[in-house]
Amino acid sequence: CSRSDFLQVTIHRPGENSQMRCYANAGEADLLSTNWWVTRISTGNNRVQWYGDGRWQPAAAIDKWTVYTWPNHPGGVRINKVRIL
């Protein structure tokens, strides 16, 4: 995760330290564990959506160079996939 233009997703599992996962290029990536919670998305030079609660969110993708967090859910939210448009 050494490049700020990559999509950076900060995840954690209860009782463990946070980890950052990085993605590049258009497409979808599964977040492999149902125990992971996402606390932060930094879009880099990408437009991004996540899949959770049975749908792609937000309806209009998160814009490039945006940091997205869930302040009402400080422990994070469950996300099944991320998508770079």
C-alpha atoms as a PDB file:
ATOM      1  CA  CYS A   1       0.000   0.000   0.000  1.00  0.00           C
ATOM      2  CA  SER A   2       2.786   2.358  -0.787  1.00  0.00           C
ATOM      3  CA  ARG A   3       0.893   4.350  -3.459  1.00  0.00           C
ATOM      4  CA  SER A   4      -1.802   6.874  -2.601  1.00  0.00           C
ATOM      5  CA  ASP A   5      -3.526   6.414  -5.995  1.00  0.00           C
ATOM      6  CA  PHE A   6      -4.597   2.839  -5.090  1.00  0.00           C
ATOM      7  CA  LEU A   7      -7.899   2.036  -3.407  1.00  0.00           C
ATOM      8  CA  GLN A   8      -7.037   1.468   0.267  1.00  0.00           C
ATOM      9  CA  VAL A   9      -9.478  -0.436   2.484  1.00  0.00           C
ATOM     10  CA  THR A  10      -8.836  -0.571   6.233  1.00  0.00           C
ATOM     11  CA  ILE A  11     -10.264  -3.717   7.818  1.00  0.00           C
ATOM     12  CA  HIS A  12     -10.165  -5.353  11.212  1.00  0.00           C
ATOM     13  CA  ARG A  13     -11.402  -8.396  13.028  1.00  0.00           C
ATOM     14  CA  PRO A  14     -12.624  -8.140  16.600  1.00  0.00           C
ATOM     15  CA  GLY A  15      -9.677  -8.381  18.982  1.00  0.00           C
ATOM     16  CA  GLU A  16      -7.052  -7.767  16.270  1.00  0.00           C
ATOM     17  CA  ASN A  17      -5.193  -4.767  14.893  1.00  0.00           C
ATOM     18  CA  SER A  18      -6.393  -3.058  11.729  1.00  0.00           C
ATOM     19  CA  GLN A  19      -4.957  -4.088   8.356  1.00  0.00           C
ATOM     20  CA  MET A  20      -4.886  -2.167   5.101  1.00  0.00           C
ATOM     21  CA  ARG A  21      -5.670  -3.871   1.795  1.00  0.00           C
ATOM     22  CA  CYS A  22      -4.894  -2.139  -1.496  1.00  0.00           C
ATOM     23  CA  TYR A  23      -6.466  -2.577  -4.906  1.00  0.00           C
ATOM     24  CA  ALA A  24      -5.819  -1.195  -8.382  1.00  0.00           C
ATOM     25  CA  ASN A  25      -7.519  -1.364 -11.771  1.00  0.00           C
ATOM     26  CA  ALA A  26     -11.229  -1.542 -12.532  1.00  0.00           C
ATOM     27  CA  GLY A  27     -13.176  -4.531 -11.278  1.00  0.00           C
ATOM     28  CA  GLU A  28     -14.442  -6.224  -8.124  1.00  0.00           C
ATOM     29  CA  ALA A  29     -12.624  -7.770  -5.203  1.00  0.00           C
ATOM     30  CA  ASP A  30     -14.189 -10.071  -2.625  1.00  0.00           C
ATOM     31  CA  LEU A  31     -13.349  -9.388   0.984  1.00  0.00           C
ATOM     32  CA  LEU A  32     -12.724 -12.979   1.900  1.00  0.00           C
ATOM     33  CA  SER A  33     -13.730 -13.181   5.528  1.00  0.00           C
ATOM     34  CA  THR A  34     -17.160 -12.601   7.026  1.00  0.00           C
ATOM     35  CA  ASN A  35     -15.407 -11.665  10.275  1.00  0.00           C
ATOM     36  CA  TRP A  36     -13.842  -8.524   8.787  1.00  0.00           C
ATOM     37  CA  TRP A  37     -15.226  -5.086   9.456  1.00  0.00           C
ATOM     38  CA  VAL A  38     -14.328  -2.130   7.225  1.00  0.00           C
ATOM     39  CA  THR A  39     -13.556   1.119   9.030  1.00  0.00           C
ATOM     40  CA  ARG A  40     -12.129   3.278   6.227  1.00  0.00           C
ATOM     41  CA  ILE A  41     -11.963   3.506   2.445  1.00  0.00           C
ATOM     42  CA  SER A  42      -9.517   5.840   0.717  1.00  0.00           C
ATOM     43  CA  THR A  43     -10.405   5.878  -2.968  1.00  0.00           C
ATOM     44  CA  GLY A  44      -7.134   7.208  -4.389  1.00  0.00           C
ATOM     45  CA  ASN A  45      -7.447   7.838  -8.122  1.00  0.00           C
ATOM     46  CA  ASN A  46     -10.561   5.629  -8.348  1.00  0.00           C
ATOM     47  CA  ARG A  47     -14.344   5.822  -8.200  1.00  0.00           C
ATOM     48  CA  VAL A  48     -15.506   3.169  -5.727  1.00  0.00           C
ATOM     49  CA  GLN A  49     -18.572   1.326  -4.446  1.00  0.00           C
ATOM     50  CA  TRP A  50     -18.920  -1.413  -1.856  1.00  0.00           C
ATOM     51  CA  TYR A  51     -21.319  -4.342  -1.701  1.00  0.00           C
ATOM     52  CA  GLY A  52     -23.149  -4.867   1.557  1.00  0.00           C
ATOM     53  CA  ASP A  53     -26.704  -5.431   2.734  1.00  0.00           C
ATOM     54  CA  GLY A  54     -27.489  -7.063  -0.614  1.00  0.00           C
ATOM     55  CA  ARG A  55     -26.685  -4.081  -2.858  1.00  0.00           C
ATOM     56  CA  TRP A  56     -23.924  -1.876  -4.266  1.00  0.00           C
ATOM     57  CA  GLN A  57     -23.479   1.283  -2.209  1.00  0.00           C
ATOM     58  CA  PRO A  58     -23.584   4.210  -2.410  1.00  0.00           C
ATOM     59  CA  ALA A  59     -25.827   4.514  -5.486  1.00  0.00           C
ATOM     60  CA  ALA A  60     -23.491   7.182  -6.881  1.00  0.00           C
ATOM     61  CA  ALA A  61     -19.897   5.960  -6.484  1.00  0.00           C
ATOM     62  CA  ILE A  62     -17.530   7.567  -4.001  1.00  0.00           C
ATOM     63  CA  ASP A  63     -15.450  10.074  -5.963  1.00  0.00           C
ATOM     64  CA  LYS A  64     -11.703   9.997  -6.575  1.00  0.00           C
ATOM     65  CA  TRP A  65      -9.392  11.220  -3.806  1.00  0.00           C
ATOM     66  CA  THR A  66     -11.992  10.760  -1.061  1.00  0.00           C
ATOM     67  CA  VAL A  67     -11.602   9.214   2.375  1.00  0.00           C
ATOM     68  CA  TYR A  68     -14.823   7.551   3.489  1.00  0.00           C
ATOM     69  CA  THR A  69     -15.512   6.463   7.059  1.00  0.00           C
ATOM     70  CA  TRP A  70     -18.539   5.449   9.064  1.00  0.00           C
ATOM     71  CA  PRO A  71     -18.618   7.811  12.073  1.00  0.00           C
ATOM     72  CA  ASN A  72     -21.926   6.364  13.314  1.00  0.00           C
ATOM     73  CA  HIS A  73     -20.357   2.885  13.329  1.00  0.00           C
ATOM     74  CA  PRO A  74     -16.902   3.382  14.874  1.00  0.00           C
ATOM     75  CA  GLY A  75     -16.257  -0.373  14.821  1.00  0.00           C
ATOM     76  CA  GLY A  76     -16.817  -0.429  11.060  1.00  0.00           C
ATOM     77  CA  VAL A  77     -19.378  -2.041   8.788  1.00  0.00           C
ATOM     78  CA  ARG A  78     -19.562  -5.450   7.121  1.00  0.00           C
ATOM     79  CA  ILE A  79     -18.749  -5.299   3.439  1.00  0.00           C
ATOM     80  CA  ASN A  80     -18.651  -8.298   1.091  1.00  0.00           C
ATOM     81  CA  LYS A  81     -16.946  -6.708  -1.949  1.00  0.00           C
ATOM     82  CA  VAL A  82     -15.423  -3.510  -3.221  1.00  0.00           C
ATOM     83  CA  ARG A  83     -15.637  -2.319  -6.804  1.00  0.00           C
ATOM     84  CA  ILE A  84     -13.480   0.120  -8.753  1.00  0.00           C
ATOM     85  CA  LEU A  85     -15.448   1.650 -11.617  1.00  0.00           C
END
